[in-house]
N, C-alpha and C. Protein backbone atom coordinates (compact mmCIF):
# COMPACT_ATOMS: atom_id res chain seq x y z
N UNK A 1 95.16 9.30 -110.50
CA UNK A 1 93.89 10.01 -110.41
C UNK A 1 93.64 10.68 -111.76
N UNK A 2 92.39 10.90 -112.11
CA UNK A 2 92.14 11.56 -113.38
C UNK A 2 91.90 13.06 -113.19
N UNK A 3 92.02 13.79 -114.28
CA UNK A 3 91.95 15.25 -114.27
C UNK A 3 90.64 15.75 -113.65
N UNK A 4 89.53 15.15 -114.01
CA UNK A 4 88.23 15.64 -113.55
C UNK A 4 88.01 15.46 -112.05
N UNK A 5 88.73 14.54 -111.42
CA UNK A 5 88.53 14.29 -110.00
C UNK A 5 89.65 14.86 -109.13
N UNK A 6 90.73 15.33 -109.75
CA UNK A 6 91.88 15.81 -108.99
C UNK A 6 91.58 17.11 -108.25
N UNK A 7 92.32 17.31 -107.17
CA UNK A 7 92.22 18.56 -106.42
C UNK A 7 93.13 19.61 -107.06
N UNK A 8 92.84 20.87 -106.78
CA UNK A 8 93.67 21.95 -107.31
C UNK A 8 94.96 22.12 -106.55
N UNK A 9 95.03 21.66 -105.34
CA UNK A 9 96.23 21.79 -104.53
C UNK A 9 95.89 21.62 -103.07
N UNK A 10 96.87 21.81 -102.22
CA UNK A 10 96.66 21.69 -100.78
C UNK A 10 96.13 22.98 -100.17
N UNK A 11 96.25 24.11 -100.88
CA UNK A 11 95.82 25.39 -100.34
C UNK A 11 94.70 26.05 -101.12
N UNK A 12 94.39 25.56 -102.29
CA UNK A 12 93.31 26.14 -103.08
C UNK A 12 92.61 25.05 -103.87
N UNK A 13 91.32 25.24 -104.10
CA UNK A 13 90.52 24.27 -104.86
C UNK A 13 90.71 22.84 -104.32
N UNK A 14 90.60 22.73 -103.00
CA UNK A 14 90.85 21.46 -102.33
C UNK A 14 89.55 20.66 -102.25
N UNK A 15 89.13 20.16 -103.38
CA UNK A 15 87.94 19.32 -103.47
C UNK A 15 88.01 18.55 -104.77
N UNK A 16 87.31 17.45 -104.84
CA UNK A 16 87.28 16.65 -106.05
C UNK A 16 86.74 17.51 -107.19
N UNK A 17 87.46 17.60 -108.27
CA UNK A 17 87.10 18.47 -109.39
C UNK A 17 87.73 19.84 -109.30
N UNK A 18 88.47 20.10 -108.22
CA UNK A 18 89.10 21.41 -108.03
C UNK A 18 90.12 21.75 -109.11
N UNK A 19 90.86 20.74 -109.57
CA UNK A 19 91.85 20.99 -110.61
C UNK A 19 91.19 21.43 -111.90
N UNK A 20 90.10 20.78 -112.28
CA UNK A 20 89.39 21.15 -113.51
C UNK A 20 88.82 22.57 -113.39
N UNK A 21 88.21 22.88 -112.26
CA UNK A 21 87.65 24.23 -112.05
C UNK A 21 88.75 25.27 -112.10
N UNK A 22 89.84 25.03 -111.38
CA UNK A 22 90.95 25.97 -111.37
C UNK A 22 91.51 26.16 -112.78
N UNK A 23 91.71 25.07 -113.50
CA UNK A 23 92.27 25.16 -114.85
C UNK A 23 91.36 25.97 -115.77
N UNK A 24 90.07 25.71 -115.73
CA UNK A 24 89.13 26.48 -116.56
C UNK A 24 89.17 27.96 -116.22
N UNK A 25 89.24 28.28 -114.94
CA UNK A 25 89.29 29.68 -114.53
C UNK A 25 90.59 30.34 -114.99
N UNK A 26 91.70 29.63 -114.86
CA UNK A 26 92.99 30.19 -115.28
C UNK A 26 93.01 30.41 -116.80
N UNK A 27 92.42 29.49 -117.54
CA UNK A 27 92.33 29.65 -119.00
C UNK A 27 91.52 30.91 -119.33
N UNK A 28 90.38 31.09 -118.68
CA UNK A 28 89.55 32.27 -118.96
C UNK A 28 90.27 33.57 -118.61
N UNK A 29 90.91 33.60 -117.46
CA UNK A 29 91.65 34.81 -117.05
C UNK A 29 92.80 35.06 -118.02
N UNK A 30 93.52 34.00 -118.38
CA UNK A 30 94.63 34.13 -119.32
C UNK A 30 94.14 34.69 -120.65
N UNK A 31 93.06 34.13 -121.17
CA UNK A 31 92.51 34.61 -122.45
C UNK A 31 92.18 36.10 -122.36
N UNK A 32 91.51 36.49 -121.28
CA UNK A 32 91.14 37.90 -121.12
C UNK A 32 92.38 38.80 -121.06
N UNK A 33 93.38 38.39 -120.29
CA UNK A 33 94.60 39.19 -120.18
C UNK A 33 95.36 39.25 -121.51
N UNK A 34 95.38 38.16 -122.25
CA UNK A 34 96.06 38.14 -123.55
C UNK A 34 95.46 39.17 -124.50
N UNK A 35 94.16 39.24 -124.54
CA UNK A 35 93.50 40.19 -125.44
C UNK A 35 93.58 41.61 -124.91
N UNK A 36 93.45 41.77 -123.61
CA UNK A 36 93.53 43.12 -123.02
C UNK A 36 94.92 43.73 -123.23
N UNK A 37 95.96 42.91 -123.12
CA UNK A 37 97.33 43.42 -123.19
C UNK A 37 98.05 43.03 -124.49
N UNK A 38 97.29 42.64 -125.49
CA UNK A 38 97.79 42.35 -126.83
C UNK A 38 99.03 41.44 -126.80
N UNK A 39 98.87 40.30 -126.16
CA UNK A 39 99.95 39.32 -126.08
C UNK A 39 100.27 38.81 -127.49
N UNK A 40 101.53 38.80 -127.83
CA UNK A 40 101.97 38.35 -129.16
C UNK A 40 101.79 36.85 -129.36
N UNK A 41 101.74 36.10 -128.26
CA UNK A 41 101.65 34.65 -128.33
C UNK A 41 100.45 34.15 -127.53
N UNK A 42 99.27 34.64 -127.92
CA UNK A 42 98.03 34.30 -127.21
C UNK A 42 97.80 32.80 -127.15
N UNK A 43 97.98 32.13 -128.28
CA UNK A 43 97.71 30.69 -128.34
C UNK A 43 98.61 29.92 -127.40
N UNK A 44 99.86 30.32 -127.31
CA UNK A 44 100.81 29.66 -126.41
C UNK A 44 100.42 29.91 -124.96
N UNK A 45 100.04 31.13 -124.64
CA UNK A 45 99.63 31.44 -123.27
C UNK A 45 98.38 30.63 -122.88
N UNK A 46 97.41 30.58 -123.76
CA UNK A 46 96.17 29.86 -123.46
C UNK A 46 96.42 28.35 -123.35
N UNK A 47 97.21 27.81 -124.25
CA UNK A 47 97.57 26.39 -124.14
C UNK A 47 98.34 26.13 -122.85
N UNK A 48 99.25 27.00 -122.50
CA UNK A 48 100.02 26.84 -121.26
C UNK A 48 99.11 26.91 -120.04
N UNK A 49 98.12 27.78 -120.08
CA UNK A 49 97.16 27.86 -118.97
C UNK A 49 96.42 26.53 -118.82
N UNK A 50 96.09 25.91 -119.95
CA UNK A 50 95.41 24.61 -119.90
C UNK A 50 96.31 23.53 -119.30
N UNK A 51 97.61 23.65 -119.53
CA UNK A 51 98.56 22.60 -119.13
C UNK A 51 99.32 22.90 -117.84
N UNK A 52 99.23 24.10 -117.30
CA UNK A 52 100.14 24.52 -116.24
C UNK A 52 100.15 23.59 -115.02
N UNK A 53 99.05 22.98 -114.66
CA UNK A 53 98.98 22.11 -113.48
C UNK A 53 98.73 20.65 -113.83
N UNK A 54 98.97 20.24 -115.06
CA UNK A 54 98.65 18.88 -115.50
C UNK A 54 99.37 17.82 -114.65
N UNK A 55 100.53 18.15 -114.13
CA UNK A 55 101.27 17.20 -113.29
C UNK A 55 100.56 16.85 -111.99
N UNK A 56 99.57 17.64 -111.60
CA UNK A 56 98.85 17.35 -110.35
C UNK A 56 98.05 16.06 -110.43
N UNK A 57 97.76 15.58 -111.62
CA UNK A 57 97.03 14.30 -111.69
C UNK A 57 97.88 13.15 -111.18
N UNK A 58 99.19 13.33 -111.16
CA UNK A 58 100.08 12.31 -110.59
C UNK A 58 100.70 12.75 -109.26
N UNK A 59 100.42 13.98 -108.85
CA UNK A 59 100.95 14.49 -107.58
C UNK A 59 100.07 14.08 -106.40
N UNK A 60 98.76 13.98 -106.62
CA UNK A 60 97.83 13.70 -105.53
C UNK A 60 97.07 12.40 -105.74
N UNK A 61 96.70 11.78 -104.62
CA UNK A 61 95.88 10.58 -104.64
C UNK A 61 94.41 10.97 -104.47
N UNK A 62 93.53 9.99 -104.62
CA UNK A 62 92.09 10.26 -104.49
C UNK A 62 91.70 10.70 -103.09
N UNK A 63 92.48 10.32 -102.08
CA UNK A 63 92.19 10.78 -100.71
C UNK A 63 92.83 12.14 -100.41
N UNK A 64 93.36 12.79 -101.45
CA UNK A 64 93.97 14.12 -101.40
C UNK A 64 95.36 14.14 -100.75
N UNK A 65 95.88 12.97 -100.42
CA UNK A 65 97.26 12.93 -99.93
C UNK A 65 98.20 13.01 -101.14
N UNK A 66 99.46 13.25 -100.86
CA UNK A 66 100.45 13.39 -101.94
C UNK A 66 101.06 12.03 -102.26
N UNK A 67 101.25 11.76 -103.53
CA UNK A 67 101.89 10.52 -103.96
C UNK A 67 103.39 10.60 -103.69
N UNK A 68 104.05 9.46 -103.74
CA UNK A 68 105.51 9.45 -103.60
C UNK A 68 106.14 10.29 -104.71
N UNK A 69 105.66 10.10 -105.94
CA UNK A 69 106.19 10.88 -107.06
C UNK A 69 105.95 12.37 -106.84
N UNK A 70 104.77 12.71 -106.34
CA UNK A 70 104.45 14.10 -106.06
C UNK A 70 105.39 14.71 -105.04
N UNK A 71 105.69 13.95 -103.98
CA UNK A 71 106.63 14.43 -102.96
C UNK A 71 108.04 14.58 -103.52
N UNK A 72 108.44 13.66 -104.37
CA UNK A 72 109.81 13.65 -104.89
C UNK A 72 110.02 14.66 -106.01
N UNK A 73 109.01 14.85 -106.87
CA UNK A 73 109.20 15.69 -108.05
C UNK A 73 108.36 16.96 -108.06
N UNK A 74 107.14 16.89 -107.56
CA UNK A 74 106.23 18.03 -107.61
C UNK A 74 105.56 18.14 -108.98
N UNK A 75 104.45 18.87 -109.02
CA UNK A 75 103.65 18.91 -110.24
C UNK A 75 104.32 19.62 -111.41
N UNK A 76 105.20 20.57 -111.15
CA UNK A 76 105.86 21.26 -112.26
C UNK A 76 106.77 20.30 -113.00
N UNK A 77 107.59 19.56 -112.29
CA UNK A 77 108.50 18.60 -112.92
C UNK A 77 107.70 17.48 -113.59
N UNK A 78 106.69 16.98 -112.91
CA UNK A 78 105.86 15.92 -113.49
C UNK A 78 105.20 16.43 -114.77
N UNK A 79 104.63 17.61 -114.71
CA UNK A 79 103.99 18.21 -115.88
C UNK A 79 104.96 18.42 -117.03
N UNK A 80 106.16 18.87 -116.71
CA UNK A 80 107.17 19.07 -117.76
C UNK A 80 107.53 17.75 -118.43
N UNK A 81 107.61 16.69 -117.66
CA UNK A 81 107.89 15.37 -118.23
C UNK A 81 106.78 14.97 -119.19
N UNK A 82 105.53 15.19 -118.78
CA UNK A 82 104.40 14.86 -119.64
C UNK A 82 104.41 15.70 -120.92
N UNK A 83 104.69 16.97 -120.79
CA UNK A 83 104.71 17.87 -121.95
C UNK A 83 105.86 17.52 -122.89
N UNK A 84 107.03 17.20 -122.32
CA UNK A 84 108.17 16.79 -123.16
C UNK A 84 107.82 15.55 -123.97
N UNK A 85 107.17 14.59 -123.33
CA UNK A 85 106.76 13.37 -124.04
C UNK A 85 105.83 13.70 -125.20
N UNK A 86 104.89 14.60 -124.96
CA UNK A 86 103.95 14.99 -126.02
C UNK A 86 104.67 15.74 -127.14
N UNK A 87 105.55 16.66 -126.79
CA UNK A 87 106.29 17.41 -127.81
C UNK A 87 107.18 16.49 -128.63
N UNK A 88 107.83 15.56 -127.97
CA UNK A 88 108.73 14.64 -128.67
C UNK A 88 107.99 13.64 -129.55
N UNK A 89 106.76 13.30 -129.18
CA UNK A 89 106.01 12.32 -129.97
C UNK A 89 105.59 12.88 -131.33
N UNK A 90 105.52 14.18 -131.44
CA UNK A 90 105.15 14.84 -132.71
C UNK A 90 106.10 16.01 -132.96
N UNK A 91 107.39 15.76 -132.80
CA UNK A 91 108.37 16.84 -132.86
C UNK A 91 108.36 17.61 -134.18
N UNK A 92 107.93 16.95 -135.26
CA UNK A 92 107.90 17.64 -136.56
C UNK A 92 106.84 18.74 -136.62
N UNK A 93 105.88 18.73 -135.69
CA UNK A 93 104.82 19.73 -135.69
C UNK A 93 105.19 21.01 -134.95
N UNK A 94 106.22 20.97 -134.12
CA UNK A 94 106.52 22.10 -133.24
C UNK A 94 107.91 22.67 -133.53
N UNK A 95 107.98 23.99 -133.70
CA UNK A 95 109.30 24.60 -133.86
C UNK A 95 109.91 24.87 -132.48
N UNK A 96 111.17 25.20 -132.47
CA UNK A 96 111.90 25.38 -131.21
C UNK A 96 111.35 26.55 -130.39
N UNK A 97 110.94 27.63 -131.05
CA UNK A 97 110.38 28.78 -130.34
C UNK A 97 109.11 28.37 -129.58
N UNK A 98 108.23 27.66 -130.24
CA UNK A 98 107.00 27.18 -129.61
C UNK A 98 107.32 26.32 -128.39
N UNK A 99 108.21 25.36 -128.56
CA UNK A 99 108.55 24.45 -127.46
C UNK A 99 109.16 25.21 -126.28
N UNK A 100 110.04 26.14 -126.56
CA UNK A 100 110.67 26.91 -125.47
C UNK A 100 109.66 27.78 -124.74
N UNK A 101 108.74 28.38 -125.48
CA UNK A 101 107.74 29.23 -124.85
C UNK A 101 106.77 28.42 -123.98
N UNK A 102 106.34 27.27 -124.47
CA UNK A 102 105.46 26.40 -123.67
C UNK A 102 106.20 25.95 -122.40
N UNK A 103 107.41 25.46 -122.57
CA UNK A 103 108.20 25.03 -121.41
C UNK A 103 108.36 26.18 -120.41
N UNK A 104 108.68 27.36 -120.93
CA UNK A 104 108.87 28.52 -120.06
C UNK A 104 107.64 28.84 -119.24
N UNK A 105 106.49 28.84 -119.88
CA UNK A 105 105.25 29.13 -119.15
C UNK A 105 105.00 28.12 -118.05
N UNK A 106 105.27 26.87 -118.33
CA UNK A 106 105.00 25.82 -117.34
C UNK A 106 105.97 25.93 -116.16
N UNK A 107 107.26 26.02 -116.44
CA UNK A 107 108.22 26.05 -115.33
C UNK A 107 108.18 27.37 -114.56
N UNK A 108 107.64 28.41 -115.15
CA UNK A 108 107.63 29.73 -114.51
C UNK A 108 106.30 30.10 -113.87
N UNK A 109 105.29 29.23 -113.92
CA UNK A 109 103.96 29.65 -113.52
C UNK A 109 103.79 29.95 -112.03
N UNK A 110 104.69 29.52 -111.18
CA UNK A 110 104.60 29.90 -109.76
C UNK A 110 105.23 31.27 -109.49
N UNK A 111 105.92 31.81 -110.47
CA UNK A 111 106.36 33.19 -110.39
C UNK A 111 107.73 33.47 -109.81
N UNK A 112 108.25 32.60 -108.97
CA UNK A 112 109.56 32.83 -108.35
C UNK A 112 110.08 31.51 -107.78
N UNK A 113 111.37 31.44 -107.67
CA UNK A 113 112.01 30.25 -107.12
C UNK A 113 111.47 29.97 -105.71
N UNK A 114 111.29 31.01 -104.90
CA UNK A 114 110.82 30.81 -103.53
C UNK A 114 109.41 30.23 -103.46
N UNK A 115 108.67 30.29 -104.56
CA UNK A 115 107.32 29.71 -104.61
C UNK A 115 107.26 28.41 -105.41
N UNK A 116 108.42 27.88 -105.78
CA UNK A 116 108.47 26.58 -106.43
C UNK A 116 108.75 26.58 -107.92
N UNK A 117 108.86 27.74 -108.52
CA UNK A 117 109.21 27.78 -109.94
C UNK A 117 110.72 27.65 -110.07
N UNK A 118 111.18 26.82 -111.01
CA UNK A 118 112.62 26.76 -111.24
C UNK A 118 113.19 28.09 -111.75
N UNK A 119 112.33 28.92 -112.32
CA UNK A 119 112.76 30.20 -112.90
C UNK A 119 111.60 31.19 -112.82
N UNK A 120 111.92 32.45 -112.66
CA UNK A 120 110.90 33.50 -112.66
C UNK A 120 110.44 33.79 -114.09
N UNK A 121 109.22 34.32 -114.27
CA UNK A 121 108.73 34.61 -115.61
C UNK A 121 109.66 35.55 -116.39
N UNK A 122 109.80 35.26 -117.69
CA UNK A 122 110.64 36.11 -118.53
C UNK A 122 110.09 36.30 -119.94
N UNK A 123 108.78 36.10 -120.10
CA UNK A 123 108.11 36.41 -121.36
C UNK A 123 106.72 36.93 -121.02
N UNK A 124 106.12 37.65 -121.96
CA UNK A 124 104.78 38.19 -121.69
C UNK A 124 103.80 37.07 -121.38
N UNK A 125 103.85 35.99 -122.16
CA UNK A 125 102.90 34.91 -121.93
C UNK A 125 103.14 34.21 -120.59
N UNK A 126 104.39 34.09 -120.16
CA UNK A 126 104.63 33.44 -118.87
C UNK A 126 104.18 34.33 -117.71
N UNK A 127 104.32 35.66 -117.85
CA UNK A 127 103.79 36.56 -116.83
C UNK A 127 102.27 36.46 -116.75
N UNK A 128 101.63 36.39 -117.91
CA UNK A 128 100.17 36.31 -117.92
C UNK A 128 99.69 35.01 -117.26
N UNK A 129 100.29 33.88 -117.61
CA UNK A 129 99.88 32.61 -117.02
C UNK A 129 100.14 32.63 -115.51
N UNK A 130 101.29 33.13 -115.11
CA UNK A 130 101.59 33.21 -113.67
C UNK A 130 100.54 34.04 -112.93
N UNK A 131 100.24 35.22 -113.43
CA UNK A 131 99.31 36.09 -112.72
C UNK A 131 97.88 35.56 -112.76
N UNK A 132 97.50 34.91 -113.85
CA UNK A 132 96.17 34.28 -113.91
C UNK A 132 96.07 33.17 -112.87
N UNK A 133 97.11 32.36 -112.77
CA UNK A 133 97.14 31.27 -111.80
C UNK A 133 97.09 31.83 -110.37
N UNK A 134 97.92 32.82 -110.10
CA UNK A 134 97.99 33.41 -108.77
C UNK A 134 96.65 34.05 -108.38
N UNK A 135 96.06 34.81 -109.31
CA UNK A 135 94.79 35.47 -109.03
C UNK A 135 93.71 34.44 -108.70
N UNK A 136 93.63 33.38 -109.49
CA UNK A 136 92.61 32.37 -109.23
C UNK A 136 92.83 31.67 -107.89
N UNK A 137 94.07 31.39 -107.56
CA UNK A 137 94.38 30.75 -106.26
C UNK A 137 93.97 31.65 -105.10
N UNK A 138 94.34 32.93 -105.17
CA UNK A 138 94.04 33.86 -104.08
C UNK A 138 92.54 34.09 -103.96
N UNK A 139 91.85 34.25 -105.08
CA UNK A 139 90.42 34.50 -105.01
C UNK A 139 89.66 33.27 -104.51
N UNK A 140 90.16 32.08 -104.82
CA UNK A 140 89.55 30.87 -104.26
C UNK A 140 89.76 30.82 -102.75
N UNK A 141 90.95 31.22 -102.31
CA UNK A 141 91.23 31.26 -100.87
C UNK A 141 90.32 32.26 -100.17
N UNK A 142 90.13 33.42 -100.78
CA UNK A 142 89.26 34.44 -100.20
C UNK A 142 87.81 33.94 -100.16
N UNK A 143 87.37 33.26 -101.19
CA UNK A 143 86.01 32.69 -101.21
C UNK A 143 85.82 31.72 -100.04
N UNK A 144 86.84 30.89 -99.80
CA UNK A 144 86.77 29.94 -98.69
C UNK A 144 86.72 30.67 -97.35
N UNK A 145 87.53 31.70 -97.19
CA UNK A 145 87.56 32.48 -95.95
C UNK A 145 86.22 33.18 -95.74
N UNK A 146 85.68 33.76 -96.81
CA UNK A 146 84.41 34.48 -96.71
C UNK A 146 83.27 33.58 -96.25
N UNK A 147 83.32 32.33 -96.66
CA UNK A 147 82.23 31.40 -96.32
C UNK A 147 82.12 31.19 -94.81
N UNK A 148 83.17 31.48 -94.07
CA UNK A 148 83.19 31.27 -92.62
C UNK A 148 83.08 32.56 -91.82
N UNK A 149 82.77 33.68 -92.51
CA UNK A 149 82.73 34.97 -91.83
C UNK A 149 81.50 35.75 -92.28
N UNK A 150 80.80 36.32 -91.33
CA UNK A 150 79.62 37.12 -91.67
C UNK A 150 80.04 38.47 -92.22
N UNK A 151 79.22 39.00 -93.11
CA UNK A 151 79.47 40.33 -93.68
C UNK A 151 79.52 41.35 -92.55
N UNK A 152 80.48 42.27 -92.65
CA UNK A 152 80.64 43.30 -91.62
C UNK A 152 81.60 42.91 -90.51
N UNK A 153 82.24 41.76 -90.67
CA UNK A 153 83.20 41.28 -89.66
C UNK A 153 84.56 41.05 -90.29
N UNK A 154 85.56 40.98 -89.44
CA UNK A 154 86.92 40.66 -89.87
C UNK A 154 87.15 39.15 -89.80
N UNK A 155 87.90 38.66 -90.72
CA UNK A 155 88.32 37.26 -90.67
C UNK A 155 89.50 37.14 -89.72
N UNK A 156 89.86 35.92 -89.42
CA UNK A 156 91.13 35.69 -88.72
C UNK A 156 92.27 35.98 -89.70
N UNK A 157 93.46 36.22 -89.19
CA UNK A 157 94.63 36.41 -90.04
C UNK A 157 94.87 35.12 -90.83
N UNK A 158 95.09 35.27 -92.11
CA UNK A 158 95.36 34.11 -92.96
C UNK A 158 96.80 34.16 -93.45
N UNK A 159 97.53 33.09 -93.22
CA UNK A 159 98.94 33.04 -93.59
C UNK A 159 99.15 33.12 -95.11
N UNK A 160 98.27 32.52 -95.87
CA UNK A 160 98.43 32.51 -97.34
C UNK A 160 98.31 33.90 -97.93
N UNK A 161 97.33 34.66 -97.49
CA UNK A 161 97.14 36.00 -98.06
C UNK A 161 97.78 37.10 -97.20
N UNK A 162 98.34 36.70 -96.08
CA UNK A 162 99.14 37.58 -95.20
C UNK A 162 98.35 38.77 -94.65
N UNK A 163 97.07 38.52 -94.36
CA UNK A 163 96.27 39.58 -93.75
C UNK A 163 94.98 39.00 -93.21
N UNK A 164 94.21 39.84 -92.54
CA UNK A 164 92.83 39.50 -92.25
C UNK A 164 92.00 40.36 -93.17
N UNK A 165 90.81 39.88 -93.51
CA UNK A 165 89.96 40.58 -94.45
C UNK A 165 88.71 41.10 -93.77
N UNK A 166 88.28 42.27 -94.21
CA UNK A 166 87.00 42.79 -93.77
C UNK A 166 85.97 42.36 -94.78
N UNK A 167 85.00 41.59 -94.32
CA UNK A 167 84.01 41.00 -95.23
C UNK A 167 82.76 41.87 -95.30
């Protein structure tokens, strides 16, 4: 599947083009957070935000089901493979610090092992990318929930956000 038609995931941005919308939003949030909190590696954080879910183009099919590779590896591992190939193809352009920081942001963007990250964030840029990703996912979920509830009413309890919302 291609980037422009891919879904953002099974729980957020679940529509054709969802991955592109989610990625653009995460990039914008990341950029804002980098400048607000004077991130030392703004360019790395912003590039990582652009790449954080790139593996989803091979994780999902056009009918939104998961591919065999997606089931076996998941988008973080798939994305890391893609990024490693890109880094290795032009290795003379990237120093070790840059490569480690990009890798760190990608593998840490889910925030904790229990949420699918091989490692929890351990740099300012990886925290920023993680929180930008999380915020966009949650706000997309809330937008979806709001669409089914009239203002002045409570939603049903939602497992993802662990509460019901007053709209």
